[in-house]
Amino acid sequence: MAIKDDIVSFLKTDAAIQRINFKMDGFLVYPQAYAVDIAGLVARDLIRVKTTTSLDDDVYASYFVDYNQFWIRPGFSTTSDDDCSALVHEATHAHMDYKALGMKPIEWSEAIAYLAEAFYREARRLKPLTDHFIRAKAHSLAKRMLASGQYEVPADVARSMIMAAKAEPHYVKKARGSSTSFAQPFVNFDGF
């Protein structure tokens, strides 16, 4: 099976993805976003998968808004917990793009993507992917929310998550991120 097919299968069938379900700062993150929307877009090549050596060493995957592409490093595998965690994070960005949200601060989209990644890892009983503060904070929140069944991230906690993402050195120089440049027209989109 090609990596694209592996990714589609993972997004559609992974049990931990079914546990990713929350609302943060007005944005809904839910299992069908991955299993239906993003898996369907990848299956139909509306989001393409590109293997590249252009990613930084500490980057497992990336979603490029301008190209509607997941970029993955060589050796990426849907049998790797870390690769799958990164894919969930990036698929969250892809879903934001698909929803055409408009220009949002990068720290907003990153906070939500880190929380989705943490929900995935906590559902699989995995530690944070790295020791970055934003990941530790996201895991603590995801663990509490999964245990309690809480759906909505309180506004003060959402602000705290966004500020933690903004403080991450990787994002300090990036002022804004786009969530609206999905290049495919969806006016006639027939769903999945």
N, C-alpha and C. Protein backbone atom coordinates (compact mmCIF):
# COMPACT_ATOMS: atom_id res chain seq x y z
N MET A 1 0.84 -1.18 0.00
CA MET A 1 0.00 0.00 0.00
C MET A 1 0.89 1.24 0.00
N ALA A 2 0.51 2.27 -0.75
CA ALA A 2 1.25 3.52 -0.80
C ALA A 2 1.02 4.29 0.50
N ILE A 3 1.95 5.19 0.83
CA ILE A 3 1.84 5.95 2.07
C ILE A 3 0.54 6.75 2.11
N LYS A 4 0.11 7.27 0.98
CA LYS A 4 -1.17 8.01 0.93
C LYS A 4 -2.30 7.11 1.42
N ASP A 5 -2.34 5.88 0.94
CA ASP A 5 -3.38 4.94 1.36
C ASP A 5 -3.27 4.59 2.84
N ASP A 6 -2.03 4.47 3.32
CA ASP A 6 -1.82 4.22 4.75
C ASP A 6 -2.37 5.37 5.59
N ILE A 7 -2.12 6.59 5.14
CA ILE A 7 -2.60 7.76 5.86
C ILE A 7 -4.12 7.80 5.87
N VAL A 8 -4.74 7.55 4.73
CA VAL A 8 -6.20 7.52 4.66
C VAL A 8 -6.76 6.46 5.60
N SER A 9 -6.18 5.28 5.56
CA SER A 9 -6.63 4.19 6.43
C SER A 9 -6.48 4.57 7.90
N PHE A 10 -5.34 5.14 8.26
CA PHE A 10 -5.11 5.57 9.64
C PHE A 10 -6.17 6.58 10.08
N LEU A 11 -6.39 7.61 9.27
CA LEU A 11 -7.35 8.65 9.64
C LEU A 11 -8.77 8.09 9.77
N LYS A 12 -9.09 7.10 8.97
CA LYS A 12 -10.45 6.54 9.00
C LYS A 12 -10.67 5.53 10.12
N THR A 13 -9.61 4.82 10.54
CA THR A 13 -9.83 3.66 11.40
C THR A 13 -9.18 3.72 12.78
N ASP A 14 -8.28 4.64 13.02
CA ASP A 14 -7.57 4.63 14.29
C ASP A 14 -8.52 4.95 15.45
N ALA A 15 -8.53 4.10 16.46
CA ALA A 15 -9.46 4.25 17.59
C ALA A 15 -9.19 5.51 18.39
N ALA A 16 -7.94 5.92 18.51
CA ALA A 16 -7.62 7.11 19.31
C ALA A 16 -8.18 8.38 18.65
N ILE A 17 -8.25 8.40 17.34
CA ILE A 17 -8.83 9.56 16.65
C ILE A 17 -10.29 9.74 17.06
N GLN A 18 -10.97 8.65 17.36
CA GLN A 18 -12.37 8.73 17.77
C GLN A 18 -12.53 9.42 19.14
N ARG A 19 -11.44 9.59 19.85
CA ARG A 19 -11.48 10.25 21.17
C ARG A 19 -11.17 11.74 21.08
N ILE A 20 -10.75 12.22 19.91
CA ILE A 20 -10.43 13.64 19.74
C ILE A 20 -11.73 14.39 19.50
N ASN A 21 -12.20 15.07 20.52
CA ASN A 21 -13.51 15.72 20.42
C ASN A 21 -13.56 16.86 21.43
N PHE A 22 -13.38 18.09 20.96
CA PHE A 22 -13.42 19.24 21.86
C PHE A 22 -13.71 20.51 21.06
N LYS A 23 -14.03 21.55 21.82
CA LYS A 23 -14.25 22.88 21.26
C LYS A 23 -13.32 23.84 21.97
N MET A 24 -12.55 24.58 21.19
CA MET A 24 -11.64 25.57 21.78
C MET A 24 -11.77 26.88 21.03
N ASP A 25 -12.06 27.92 21.75
CA ASP A 25 -12.16 29.27 21.19
C ASP A 25 -13.05 29.30 19.94
N GLY A 26 -14.15 28.57 20.00
CA GLY A 26 -15.13 28.55 18.92
C GLY A 26 -14.87 27.54 17.82
N PHE A 27 -13.69 26.91 17.81
CA PHE A 27 -13.37 25.93 16.76
C PHE A 27 -13.67 24.52 17.24
N LEU A 28 -14.41 23.77 16.44
CA LEU A 28 -14.78 22.40 16.78
C LEU A 28 -13.77 21.42 16.20
N VAL A 29 -13.30 20.52 17.04
CA VAL A 29 -12.37 19.46 16.64
C VAL A 29 -13.08 18.16 16.98
N TYR A 30 -13.28 17.30 15.98
CA TYR A 30 -14.11 16.12 16.17
C TYR A 30 -13.62 14.98 15.28
N PRO A 31 -13.96 13.74 15.62
CA PRO A 31 -13.41 12.58 14.90
C PRO A 31 -13.67 12.60 13.39
N GLN A 32 -14.84 13.00 12.97
CA GLN A 32 -15.16 12.98 11.54
C GLN A 32 -14.34 13.99 10.75
N ALA A 33 -13.81 15.00 11.41
CA ALA A 33 -12.93 15.95 10.72
C ALA A 33 -11.73 15.20 10.12
N TYR A 34 -11.26 14.21 10.86
CA TYR A 34 -10.12 13.41 10.40
C TYR A 34 -10.59 12.23 9.53
N ALA A 35 -11.56 11.48 10.06
CA ALA A 35 -11.98 10.22 9.44
C ALA A 35 -12.76 10.42 8.15
N VAL A 36 -13.44 11.53 8.02
CA VAL A 36 -14.26 11.77 6.83
C VAL A 36 -13.66 12.90 5.99
N ASP A 37 -13.57 14.09 6.57
CA ASP A 37 -13.14 15.25 5.79
C ASP A 37 -11.70 15.11 5.28
N ILE A 38 -10.75 15.02 6.17
CA ILE A 38 -9.34 15.01 5.75
C ILE A 38 -8.99 13.71 5.04
N ALA A 39 -9.46 12.57 5.55
CA ALA A 39 -9.19 11.29 4.86
C ALA A 39 -9.76 11.33 3.44
N GLY A 40 -10.94 11.88 3.28
CA GLY A 40 -11.55 11.97 1.96
C GLY A 40 -10.78 12.89 1.02
N LEU A 41 -10.31 14.01 1.55
CA LEU A 41 -9.53 14.94 0.73
C LEU A 41 -8.21 14.31 0.29
N VAL A 42 -7.58 13.57 1.18
CA VAL A 42 -6.33 12.88 0.82
C VAL A 42 -6.62 11.78 -0.20
N ALA A 43 -7.66 11.01 0.02
CA ALA A 43 -8.01 9.92 -0.90
C ALA A 43 -8.27 10.44 -2.31
N ARG A 44 -8.85 11.63 -2.40
CA ARG A 44 -9.19 12.20 -3.70
C ARG A 44 -8.09 13.10 -4.25
N ASP A 45 -6.94 13.10 -3.61
CA ASP A 45 -5.79 13.93 -4.01
C ASP A 45 -6.08 15.42 -3.99
N LEU A 46 -7.06 15.84 -3.20
CA LEU A 46 -7.29 17.26 -2.99
C LEU A 46 -6.34 17.79 -1.94
N ILE A 47 -5.84 16.91 -1.09
CA ILE A 47 -4.66 17.15 -0.27
C ILE A 47 -3.68 16.07 -0.68
N ARG A 48 -2.53 16.48 -1.13
CA ARG A 48 -1.51 15.54 -1.58
C ARG A 48 -0.50 15.26 -0.46
N VAL A 49 0.14 14.11 -0.58
CA VAL A 49 1.17 13.70 0.38
C VAL A 49 2.50 13.69 -0.36
N LYS A 50 3.47 14.42 0.18
CA LYS A 50 4.78 14.51 -0.45
C LYS A 50 5.85 14.09 0.56
N THR A 51 6.66 13.14 0.18
CA THR A 51 7.81 12.76 1.01
C THR A 51 8.97 13.66 0.62
N THR A 52 9.61 14.25 1.64
CA THR A 52 10.67 15.21 1.36
C THR A 52 11.74 15.18 2.44
N THR A 53 12.94 15.56 2.07
CA THR A 53 14.04 15.72 3.03
C THR A 53 14.16 17.19 3.44
N SER A 54 13.23 18.03 3.01
CA SER A 54 13.28 19.47 3.28
C SER A 54 12.82 19.87 4.68
N LEU A 55 12.27 18.93 5.43
CA LEU A 55 11.80 19.26 6.77
C LEU A 55 12.98 19.29 7.75
N ASP A 56 12.87 20.13 8.76
CA ASP A 56 13.89 20.17 9.81
C ASP A 56 13.96 18.81 10.50
N ASP A 57 15.09 18.50 11.10
CA ASP A 57 15.31 17.21 11.75
C ASP A 57 14.28 16.87 12.81
N ASP A 58 13.80 17.89 13.51
CA ASP A 58 12.84 17.64 14.60
C ASP A 58 11.38 17.72 14.14
N VAL A 59 11.16 17.78 12.84
CA VAL A 59 9.81 17.87 12.29
C VAL A 59 9.45 16.54 11.62
N TYR A 60 8.36 15.94 12.08
CA TYR A 60 7.90 14.66 11.53
C TYR A 60 7.06 14.85 10.28
N ALA A 61 6.27 15.91 10.27
CA ALA A 61 5.36 16.18 9.16
C ALA A 61 4.99 17.65 9.21
N SER A 62 4.45 18.14 8.10
CA SER A 62 3.99 19.51 8.05
C SER A 62 2.85 19.61 7.04
N TYR A 63 1.93 20.53 7.27
CA TYR A 63 0.87 20.80 6.30
C TYR A 63 1.15 22.16 5.68
N PHE A 64 1.20 22.21 4.37
CA PHE A 64 1.47 23.46 3.67
C PHE A 64 0.19 23.98 3.05
N VAL A 65 -0.29 25.06 3.64
CA VAL A 65 -1.56 25.67 3.25
C VAL A 65 -1.55 26.09 1.78
N ASP A 66 -0.45 26.68 1.35
CA ASP A 66 -0.39 27.20 -0.02
C ASP A 66 -0.46 26.11 -1.08
N TYR A 67 -0.14 24.89 -0.72
CA TYR A 67 -0.10 23.79 -1.69
C TYR A 67 -1.11 22.70 -1.40
N ASN A 68 -1.83 22.80 -0.28
CA ASN A 68 -2.74 21.73 0.15
C ASN A 68 -1.99 20.40 0.16
N GLN A 69 -0.87 20.39 0.88
CA GLN A 69 -0.03 19.20 0.92
C GLN A 69 0.43 18.89 2.34
N PHE A 70 0.44 17.58 2.63
CA PHE A 70 1.17 17.09 3.80
C PHE A 70 2.56 16.78 3.31
N TRP A 71 3.56 17.31 3.98
CA TRP A 71 4.93 16.94 3.71
C TRP A 71 5.37 16.04 4.85
N ILE A 72 5.90 14.89 4.50
CA ILE A 72 6.37 13.94 5.50
C ILE A 72 7.82 13.60 5.20
N ARG A 73 8.52 13.19 6.23
CA ARG A 73 9.92 12.84 6.03
C ARG A 73 10.03 11.40 5.53
N PRO A 74 11.14 11.07 4.88
CA PRO A 74 11.34 9.70 4.45
C PRO A 74 11.26 8.75 5.65
N GLY A 75 10.65 7.61 5.46
CA GLY A 75 10.50 6.65 6.54
C GLY A 75 9.25 6.85 7.37
N PHE A 76 8.48 7.90 7.09
CA PHE A 76 7.24 8.14 7.81
C PHE A 76 6.38 6.88 7.74
N SER A 77 5.80 6.52 8.89
CA SER A 77 5.00 5.29 8.93
C SER A 77 3.80 5.46 9.84
N THR A 78 2.67 4.97 9.41
CA THR A 78 1.47 5.02 10.25
C THR A 78 1.50 3.94 11.32
N THR A 79 2.59 3.20 11.43
CA THR A 79 2.78 2.28 12.55
C THR A 79 3.61 2.92 13.66
N SER A 80 4.09 4.14 13.42
CA SER A 80 4.88 4.88 14.40
C SER A 80 3.96 5.82 15.18
N ASP A 81 3.96 5.68 16.51
CA ASP A 81 3.15 6.57 17.34
C ASP A 81 3.51 8.03 17.14
N ASP A 82 4.80 8.32 17.03
CA ASP A 82 5.23 9.70 16.88
C ASP A 82 4.83 10.27 15.52
N ASP A 83 5.00 9.50 14.47
CA ASP A 83 4.59 9.96 13.14
C ASP A 83 3.08 10.21 13.10
N CYS A 84 2.32 9.32 13.69
CA CYS A 84 0.86 9.47 13.70
C CYS A 84 0.44 10.68 14.53
N SER A 85 1.12 10.92 15.62
CA SER A 85 0.83 12.09 16.45
C SER A 85 1.05 13.37 15.66
N ALA A 86 2.16 13.42 14.94
CA ALA A 86 2.45 14.59 14.10
C ALA A 86 1.40 14.73 13.00
N LEU A 87 0.98 13.61 12.45
CA LEU A 87 -0.04 13.66 11.40
C LEU A 87 -1.36 14.21 11.95
N VAL A 88 -1.75 13.81 13.14
CA VAL A 88 -2.97 14.36 13.76
C VAL A 88 -2.83 15.87 13.93
N HIS A 89 -1.69 16.30 14.41
CA HIS A 89 -1.43 17.74 14.57
C HIS A 89 -1.60 18.46 13.23
N GLU A 90 -0.94 17.94 12.20
CA GLU A 90 -0.99 18.59 10.88
C GLU A 90 -2.36 18.45 10.22
N ALA A 91 -3.04 17.35 10.46
CA ALA A 91 -4.40 17.18 9.91
C ALA A 91 -5.36 18.18 10.55
N THR A 92 -5.08 18.58 11.78
CA THR A 92 -5.89 19.62 12.43
C THR A 92 -5.71 20.94 11.69
N HIS A 93 -4.48 21.25 11.32
CA HIS A 93 -4.25 22.45 10.50
C HIS A 93 -4.95 22.32 9.14
N ALA A 94 -4.89 21.15 8.56
CA ALA A 94 -5.55 20.94 7.26
C ALA A 94 -7.06 21.16 7.38
N HIS A 95 -7.64 20.73 8.49
CA HIS A 95 -9.08 20.91 8.68
C HIS A 95 -9.41 22.39 8.86
N MET A 96 -8.55 23.11 9.55
CA MET A 96 -8.76 24.57 9.67
C MET A 96 -8.73 25.21 8.29
N ASP A 97 -7.78 24.78 7.47
CA ASP A 97 -7.67 25.29 6.10
C ASP A 97 -8.93 24.96 5.31
N TYR A 98 -9.37 23.73 5.40
CA TYR A 98 -10.57 23.27 4.70
C TYR A 98 -11.80 24.08 5.11
N LYS A 99 -11.86 24.47 6.37
CA LYS A 99 -13.00 25.24 6.88
C LYS A 99 -12.92 26.73 6.50
N ALA A 100 -11.82 27.15 5.87
CA ALA A 100 -11.65 28.52 5.39
C ALA A 100 -12.00 29.55 6.46
N LEU A 101 -11.25 29.52 7.54
CA LEU A 101 -11.55 30.35 8.70
C LEU A 101 -11.13 31.80 8.58
N GLY A 102 -10.32 32.11 7.64
CA GLY A 102 -9.76 33.46 7.56
C GLY A 102 -8.42 33.51 8.25
N MET A 103 -7.82 34.65 8.23
CA MET A 103 -6.50 34.81 8.85
C MET A 103 -6.64 34.69 10.37
N LYS A 104 -5.86 33.81 10.93
CA LYS A 104 -5.83 33.60 12.37
C LYS A 104 -4.39 33.69 12.83
N PRO A 105 -4.17 34.17 14.04
CA PRO A 105 -2.79 34.16 14.56
C PRO A 105 -2.27 32.72 14.62
N ILE A 106 -1.02 32.55 14.28
CA ILE A 106 -0.45 31.20 14.25
C ILE A 106 -0.54 30.53 15.63
N GLU A 107 -0.42 31.32 16.69
CA GLU A 107 -0.48 30.72 18.02
C GLU A 107 -1.87 30.14 18.30
N TRP A 108 -2.90 30.70 17.71
CA TRP A 108 -4.27 30.17 17.86
C TRP A 108 -4.36 28.79 17.22
N SER A 109 -3.93 28.70 15.96
CA SER A 109 -4.03 27.41 15.27
C SER A 109 -3.10 26.37 15.89
N GLU A 110 -1.93 26.80 16.34
CA GLU A 110 -1.00 25.85 16.95
C GLU A 110 -1.53 25.34 18.29
N ALA A 111 -2.13 26.20 19.09
CA ALA A 111 -2.67 25.76 20.38
C ALA A 111 -3.71 24.67 20.18
N ILE A 112 -4.58 24.86 19.21
CA ILE A 112 -5.62 23.86 18.93
C ILE A 112 -5.00 22.58 18.39
N ALA A 113 -4.03 22.69 17.50
CA ALA A 113 -3.39 21.50 16.93
C ALA A 113 -2.61 20.73 17.99
N TYR A 114 -1.93 21.44 18.90
CA TYR A 114 -1.23 20.76 19.99
C TYR A 114 -2.21 20.04 20.90
N LEU A 115 -3.36 20.64 21.14
CA LEU A 115 -4.35 19.98 21.99
C LEU A 115 -4.91 18.73 21.30
N ALA A 116 -5.16 18.80 20.01
CA ALA A 116 -5.63 17.61 19.27
C ALA A 116 -4.58 16.50 19.33
N GLU A 117 -3.33 16.87 19.12
CA GLU A 117 -2.23 15.90 19.22
C GLU A 117 -2.20 15.28 20.61
N ALA A 118 -2.38 16.10 21.64
CA ALA A 118 -2.37 15.61 23.02
C ALA A 118 -3.55 14.68 23.29
N PHE A 119 -4.73 15.00 22.78
CA PHE A 119 -5.88 14.10 22.91
C PHE A 119 -5.52 12.74 22.31
N TYR A 120 -4.93 12.75 21.12
CA TYR A 120 -4.54 11.49 20.46
C TYR A 120 -3.55 10.70 21.33
N ARG A 121 -2.52 11.37 21.79
CA ARG A 121 -1.49 10.67 22.57
C ARG A 121 -2.02 10.21 23.92
N GLU A 122 -2.82 11.03 24.57
CA GLU A 122 -3.40 10.62 25.86
C GLU A 122 -4.35 9.44 25.68
N ALA A 123 -5.12 9.43 24.61
CA ALA A 123 -6.03 8.30 24.34
C ALA A 123 -5.24 7.01 24.15
N ARG A 124 -4.02 7.13 23.68
CA ARG A 124 -3.14 5.96 23.48
C ARG A 124 -2.20 5.76 24.67
N ARG A 125 -2.35 6.56 25.70
CA ARG A 125 -1.53 6.51 26.91
C ARG A 125 -0.04 6.72 26.61
N LEU A 126 0.22 7.72 25.77
CA LEU A 126 1.59 8.08 25.39
C LEU A 126 1.99 9.39 26.05
N LYS A 127 3.26 9.52 26.34
CA LYS A 127 3.79 10.77 26.88
C LYS A 127 3.85 11.82 25.77
N PRO A 128 4.04 13.09 26.14
CA PRO A 128 4.18 14.12 25.11
C PRO A 128 5.31 13.80 24.13
N LEU A 129 5.13 14.22 22.90
CA LEU A 129 6.09 13.95 21.84
C LEU A 129 7.45 14.57 22.13
N THR A 130 7.47 15.75 22.73
CA THR A 130 8.71 16.42 23.14
C THR A 130 8.48 17.03 24.52
N ASP A 131 9.52 17.64 25.06
CA ASP A 131 9.40 18.27 26.37
C ASP A 131 9.04 19.75 26.28
N HIS A 132 8.56 20.20 25.14
CA HIS A 132 8.16 21.61 25.00
C HIS A 132 7.00 21.92 25.95
N PHE A 133 7.01 23.12 26.49
CA PHE A 133 6.01 23.55 27.45
C PHE A 133 4.59 23.42 26.89
N ILE A 134 4.38 23.82 25.64
CA ILE A 134 3.04 23.76 25.05
C ILE A 134 2.52 22.33 25.02
N ARG A 135 3.40 21.38 24.76
CA ARG A 135 2.96 19.98 24.73
C ARG A 135 2.61 19.49 26.13
N ALA A 136 3.39 19.84 27.11
CA ALA A 136 3.08 19.44 28.49
C ALA A 136 1.74 20.03 28.93
N LYS A 137 1.53 21.30 28.62
CA LYS A 137 0.29 21.98 28.97
C LYS A 137 -0.90 21.33 28.25
N ALA A 138 -0.73 21.04 26.97
CA ALA A 138 -1.81 20.41 26.18
C ALA A 138 -2.13 19.03 26.72
N HIS A 139 -1.12 18.27 27.11
CA HIS A 139 -1.35 16.93 27.65
C HIS A 139 -2.10 16.97 28.96
N SER A 140 -1.72 17.89 29.82
CA SER A 140 -2.41 18.03 31.10
C SER A 140 -3.89 18.32 30.88
N LEU A 141 -4.17 19.23 29.96
CA LEU A 141 -5.56 19.59 29.65
C LEU A 141 -6.30 18.42 29.00
N ALA A 142 -5.69 17.78 28.01
CA ALA A 142 -6.34 16.66 27.32
C ALA A 142 -6.64 15.52 28.29
N LYS A 143 -5.71 15.24 29.18
CA LYS A 143 -5.91 14.17 30.16
C LYS A 143 -7.12 14.47 31.05
N ARG A 144 -7.21 15.71 31.54
CA ARG A 144 -8.36 16.11 32.36
C ARG A 144 -9.66 16.03 31.58
N MET A 145 -9.64 16.52 30.34
CA MET A 145 -10.87 16.54 29.54
C MET A 145 -11.32 15.13 29.18
N LEU A 146 -10.39 14.27 28.83
CA LEU A 146 -10.76 12.89 28.51
C LEU A 146 -11.32 12.18 29.73
N ALA A 147 -10.74 12.41 30.88
CA ALA A 147 -11.20 11.75 32.11
C ALA A 147 -12.57 12.24 32.55
N SER A 148 -12.83 13.53 32.35
CA SER A 148 -14.09 14.12 32.84
C SER A 148 -15.20 14.13 31.80
N GLY A 149 -14.84 13.95 30.54
CA GLY A 149 -15.83 14.07 29.47
C GLY A 149 -16.11 15.52 29.10
N GLN A 150 -15.33 16.44 29.63
CA GLN A 150 -15.49 17.87 29.32
C GLN A 150 -15.29 18.08 27.83
N TYR A 151 -16.13 18.92 27.22
CA TYR A 151 -16.08 19.16 25.77
C TYR A 151 -15.45 20.51 25.43
N GLU A 152 -15.86 21.55 26.11
CA GLU A 152 -15.38 22.88 25.74
C GLU A 152 -14.24 23.32 26.65
N VAL A 153 -13.20 23.85 26.02
CA VAL A 153 -12.08 24.41 26.75
C VAL A 153 -12.53 25.77 27.28
N PRO A 154 -12.46 25.98 28.60
CA PRO A 154 -12.86 27.28 29.14
C PRO A 154 -12.05 28.42 28.51
N ALA A 155 -12.67 29.59 28.38
CA ALA A 155 -12.04 30.72 27.69
C ALA A 155 -10.68 31.09 28.30
N ASP A 156 -10.56 31.09 29.62
CA ASP A 156 -9.30 31.45 30.25
C ASP A 156 -8.22 30.41 29.97
N VAL A 157 -8.61 29.16 29.92
CA VAL A 157 -7.66 28.08 29.62
C VAL A 157 -7.25 28.15 28.15
N ALA A 158 -8.19 28.45 27.27
CA ALA A 158 -7.88 28.61 25.84
C ALA A 158 -6.87 29.74 25.66
N ARG A 159 -7.10 30.87 26.33
CA ARG A 159 -6.16 32.00 26.25
C ARG A 159 -4.77 31.58 26.74
N SER A 160 -4.73 30.82 27.81
CA SER A 160 -3.47 30.35 28.36
C SER A 160 -2.75 29.42 27.37
N MET A 161 -3.50 28.55 26.71
CA MET A 161 -2.92 27.66 25.70
C MET A 161 -2.36 28.48 24.52
N ILE A 162 -3.12 29.46 24.10
CA ILE A 162 -2.70 30.30 22.97
C ILE A 162 -1.43 31.06 23.34
N MET A 163 -1.36 31.58 24.55
CA MET A 163 -0.16 32.30 24.99
C MET A 163 1.05 31.35 25.10
N ALA A 164 0.80 30.13 25.52
CA ALA A 164 1.90 29.14 25.59
C ALA A 164 2.42 28.82 24.19
N ALA A 165 1.51 28.71 23.24
CA ALA A 165 1.95 28.46 21.85
C ALA A 165 2.72 29.66 21.32
N LYS A 166 2.24 30.85 21.63
CA LYS A 166 2.92 32.07 21.17
C LYS A 166 4.33 32.17 21.73
N ALA A 167 4.55 31.65 22.93
CA ALA A 167 5.86 31.72 23.57
C ALA A 167 6.85 30.68 23.05
N GLU A 168 6.36 29.68 22.32
CA GLU A 168 7.26 28.66 21.78
C GLU A 168 8.25 29.30 20.82
N PRO A 169 9.54 29.06 21.00
CA PRO A 169 10.55 29.70 20.15
C PRO A 169 10.31 29.52 18.64
N HIS A 170 9.79 28.38 18.25
CA HIS A 170 9.56 28.11 16.83
C HIS A 170 8.56 29.08 16.21
N TYR A 171 7.65 29.63 17.02
CA TYR A 171 6.58 30.48 16.49
C TYR A 171 6.77 31.95 16.78
N VAL A 172 7.78 32.31 17.56
CA VAL A 172 7.96 33.71 17.96
C VAL A 172 8.06 34.64 16.76
N LYS A 173 8.74 34.23 15.72
CA LYS A 173 8.95 35.09 14.56
C LYS A 173 7.78 35.07 13.57
N LYS A 174 6.83 34.20 13.76
CA LYS A 174 5.70 34.08 12.83
C LYS A 174 4.50 34.82 13.41
N ALA A 175 4.09 35.88 12.75
CA ALA A 175 3.02 36.71 13.29
C ALA A 175 1.63 36.14 13.04
N ARG A 176 1.38 35.61 11.88
CA ARG A 176 0.05 35.13 11.56
C ARG A 176 0.16 33.90 10.68
N GLY A 177 -0.89 33.12 10.69
CA GLY A 177 -0.97 31.96 9.82
C GLY A 177 -2.27 32.02 9.06
N SER A 178 -2.29 31.46 7.89
CA SER A 178 -3.50 31.48 7.09
C SER A 178 -4.26 30.18 7.25
N SER A 179 -5.55 30.28 7.38
CA SER A 179 -6.40 29.10 7.42
C SER A 179 -7.39 29.11 6.27
N THR A 180 -7.13 29.91 5.26
CA THR A 180 -8.15 30.09 4.22
C THR A 180 -7.69 29.82 2.81
N SER A 181 -6.50 29.39 2.61
CA SER A 181 -6.03 29.35 1.24
C SER A 181 -6.22 28.00 0.56
N PHE A 182 -7.14 27.19 1.04
CA PHE A 182 -7.37 25.90 0.40
C PHE A 182 -7.66 26.14 -1.07
N ALA A 183 -6.81 25.62 -1.93
CA ALA A 183 -6.83 25.98 -3.34
C ALA A 183 -7.95 25.31 -4.13
N GLN A 184 -8.51 24.27 -3.61
CA GLN A 184 -9.55 23.55 -4.35
C GLN A 184 -10.91 24.22 -4.13
N PRO A 185 -11.68 24.41 -5.19
CA PRO A 185 -13.02 24.97 -4.98
C PRO A 185 -13.95 23.91 -4.41
N PHE A 186 -14.66 24.26 -3.37
CA PHE A 186 -15.56 23.30 -2.73
C PHE A 186 -17.03 23.65 -2.94
N VAL A 187 -17.29 24.55 -3.88
CA VAL A 187 -18.68 24.93 -4.15
C VAL A 187 -19.49 23.72 -4.58
N ASN A 188 -18.90 22.88 -5.40
CA ASN A 188 -19.58 21.69 -5.90
C ASN A 188 -19.14 20.43 -5.19
N PHE A 189 -18.55 20.60 -4.02
CA PHE A 189 -18.03 19.48 -3.26
C PHE A 189 -19.18 18.59 -2.82
N ASP A 190 -19.06 17.29 -3.10
CA ASP A 190 -20.19 16.38 -2.82
C ASP A 190 -20.03 15.58 -1.54
N GLY A 191 -19.04 15.88 -0.73
CA GLY A 191 -18.87 15.17 0.54
C GLY A 191 -18.32 13.78 0.37
N PHE A 192 -18.30 13.06 1.47
CA PHE A 192 -17.70 11.72 1.47
C PHE A 192 -18.65 10.73 2.08
